Amino acid sequence: MSKITMTIGHKYLHHRKIDLDGRPLEAERWIKCIGLTKNGALFQHEFEVFELESERLKTEIIQEFRGF
């Protein structure tokens, strides 16, 4: 997904690769966009705040939460 289409306050599905006990796995979680930066966007998941750069946004953000 492109930084241009990001909306502050909206939730997005974050698909990423992680290592758990030395095993490579794929994980998904819902994250909330809390700001846009020069290089990407700031997100929050529970108490964790982190930045994803533009290149990672394109590969790791799958879809926007549409509601019920």
C-alpha atoms as a PDB file:
ATOM      1  CA  MET A   1       0.000   0.000   0.000  1.00  0.00           C
ATOM      2  CA  SER A   2       1.271   3.485  -0.762  1.00  0.00           C
ATOM      3  CA  LYS A   3       1.905   6.204   1.826  1.00  0.00           C
ATOM      4  CA  ILE A   4      -0.328   8.507  -0.223  1.00  0.00           C
ATOM      5  CA  THR A   5      -3.383   6.335   0.497  1.00  0.00           C
ATOM      6  CA  MET A   6      -2.727   6.147   4.268  1.00  0.00           C
ATOM      7  CA  THR A   7      -5.226   7.908   6.528  1.00  0.00           C
ATOM      8  CA  ILE A   8      -4.355   8.887  10.084  1.00  0.00           C
ATOM      9  CA  GLY A   9      -6.639   7.075  12.545  1.00  0.00           C
ATOM     10  CA  HIS A  10      -7.455   4.167  10.223  1.00  0.00           C
ATOM     11  CA  LYS A  11      -6.446   0.567  10.901  1.00  0.00           C
ATOM     12  CA  TYR A  12      -4.434  -1.562   8.484  1.00  0.00           C
ATOM     13  CA  LEU A  13      -3.512  -5.239   8.274  1.00  0.00           C
ATOM     14  CA  HIS A  14       0.256  -5.651   8.758  1.00  0.00           C
ATOM     15  CA  HIS A  15       1.708  -8.863   7.284  1.00  0.00           C
ATOM     16  CA  ARG A  16       5.294  -9.516   8.321  1.00  0.00           C
ATOM     17  CA  LYS A  17       7.921 -12.217   8.662  1.00  0.00           C
ATOM     18  CA  ILE A  18       9.154 -13.021  12.181  1.00  0.00           C
ATOM     19  CA  ASP A  19      11.467 -15.505  13.880  1.00  0.00           C
ATOM     20  CA  LEU A  20      10.008 -17.432  16.812  1.00  0.00           C
ATOM     21  CA  ASP A  21      12.477 -19.694  18.611  1.00  0.00           C
ATOM     22  CA  GLY A  22      14.633 -19.756  15.492  1.00  0.00           C
ATOM     23  CA  ARG A  23      11.746 -20.743  13.212  1.00  0.00           C
ATOM     24  CA  PRO A  24      10.802 -18.311  10.421  1.00  0.00           C
ATOM     25  CA  LEU A  25       7.056 -17.595  10.475  1.00  0.00           C
ATOM     26  CA  GLU A  26       4.605 -15.162   8.916  1.00  0.00           C
ATOM     27  CA  ALA A  27       2.368 -13.086  11.162  1.00  0.00           C
ATOM     28  CA  GLU A  28      -0.498 -10.625  10.738  1.00  0.00           C
ATOM     29  CA  ARG A  29      -1.820  -7.958  13.070  1.00  0.00           C
ATOM     30  CA  TRP A  30      -4.065  -4.918  12.909  1.00  0.00           C
ATOM     31  CA  ILE A  31      -2.196  -1.648  13.377  1.00  0.00           C
ATOM     32  CA  LYS A  32      -3.428   1.950  13.587  1.00  0.00           C
ATOM     33  CA  CYS A  33      -1.847   4.771  11.572  1.00  0.00           C
ATOM     34  CA  ILE A  34      -1.009   7.618  13.972  1.00  0.00           C
ATOM     35  CA  GLY A  35       1.064   9.851  11.708  1.00  0.00           C
ATOM     36  CA  LEU A  36       2.810  10.330   8.392  1.00  0.00           C
ATOM     37  CA  THR A  37       6.529  11.041   8.185  1.00  0.00           C
ATOM     38  CA  LYS A  38       8.902  12.084   5.442  1.00  0.00           C
ATOM     39  CA  ASN A  39      10.086   8.492   4.979  1.00  0.00           C
ATOM     40  CA  GLY A  40       6.893   6.526   5.721  1.00  0.00           C
ATOM     41  CA  ALA A  41       4.246   6.352   8.440  1.00  0.00           C
ATOM     42  CA  LEU A  42       3.951   5.879  12.217  1.00  0.00           C
ATOM     43  CA  PHE A  43       1.799   3.054  13.540  1.00  0.00           C
ATOM     44  CA  GLN A  44       0.567   1.822  16.900  1.00  0.00           C
ATOM     45  CA  HIS A  45      -0.217  -1.727  18.013  1.00  0.00           C
ATOM     46  CA  GLU A  46      -1.387  -1.845  21.639  1.00  0.00           C
ATOM     47  CA  PHE A  47       1.458   0.006  23.468  1.00  0.00           C
ATOM     48  CA  GLU A  48       4.073  -0.335  20.720  1.00  0.00           C
ATOM     49  CA  VAL A  49       4.709   2.640  18.409  1.00  0.00           C
ATOM     50  CA  PHE A  50       6.867   2.080  15.326  1.00  0.00           C
ATOM     51  CA  GLU A  51       7.626   3.494  11.895  1.00  0.00           C
ATOM     52  CA  LEU A  52       7.430   1.669   8.590  1.00  0.00           C
ATOM     53  CA  GLU A  53       9.387   3.169   5.719  1.00  0.00           C
ATOM     54  CA  SER A  54       7.792   3.620   2.298  1.00  0.00           C
ATOM     55  CA  GLU A  55       9.375   0.461   0.833  1.00  0.00           C
ATOM     56  CA  ARG A  56       8.089  -1.700   3.709  1.00  0.00           C
ATOM     57  CA  LEU A  57       4.630  -0.096   3.450  1.00  0.00           C
ATOM     58  CA  LYS A  58       4.323  -1.381  -0.102  1.00  0.00           C
ATOM     59  CA  THR A  59       5.099  -4.980   0.881  1.00  0.00           C
ATOM     60  CA  GLU A  60       3.828  -5.344   4.471  1.00  0.00           C
ATOM     61  CA  ILE A  61       0.544  -3.395   4.575  1.00  0.00           C
ATOM     62  CA  ILE A  62      -2.099  -5.565   2.954  1.00  0.00           C
ATOM     63  CA  GLN A  63      -5.461  -3.844   3.402  1.00  0.00           C
ATOM     64  CA  GLU A  64      -7.379  -1.173   5.255  1.00  0.00           C
ATOM     65  CA  PHE A  65      -9.956  -2.136   7.893  1.00  0.00           C
ATOM     66  CA  ARG A  66     -13.409  -1.529   6.367  1.00  0.00           C
ATOM     67  CA  GLY A  67     -15.549  -2.057   9.472  1.00  0.00           C
ATOM     68  CA  PHE A  68     -18.450  -4.375  10.035  1.00  0.00           C
END
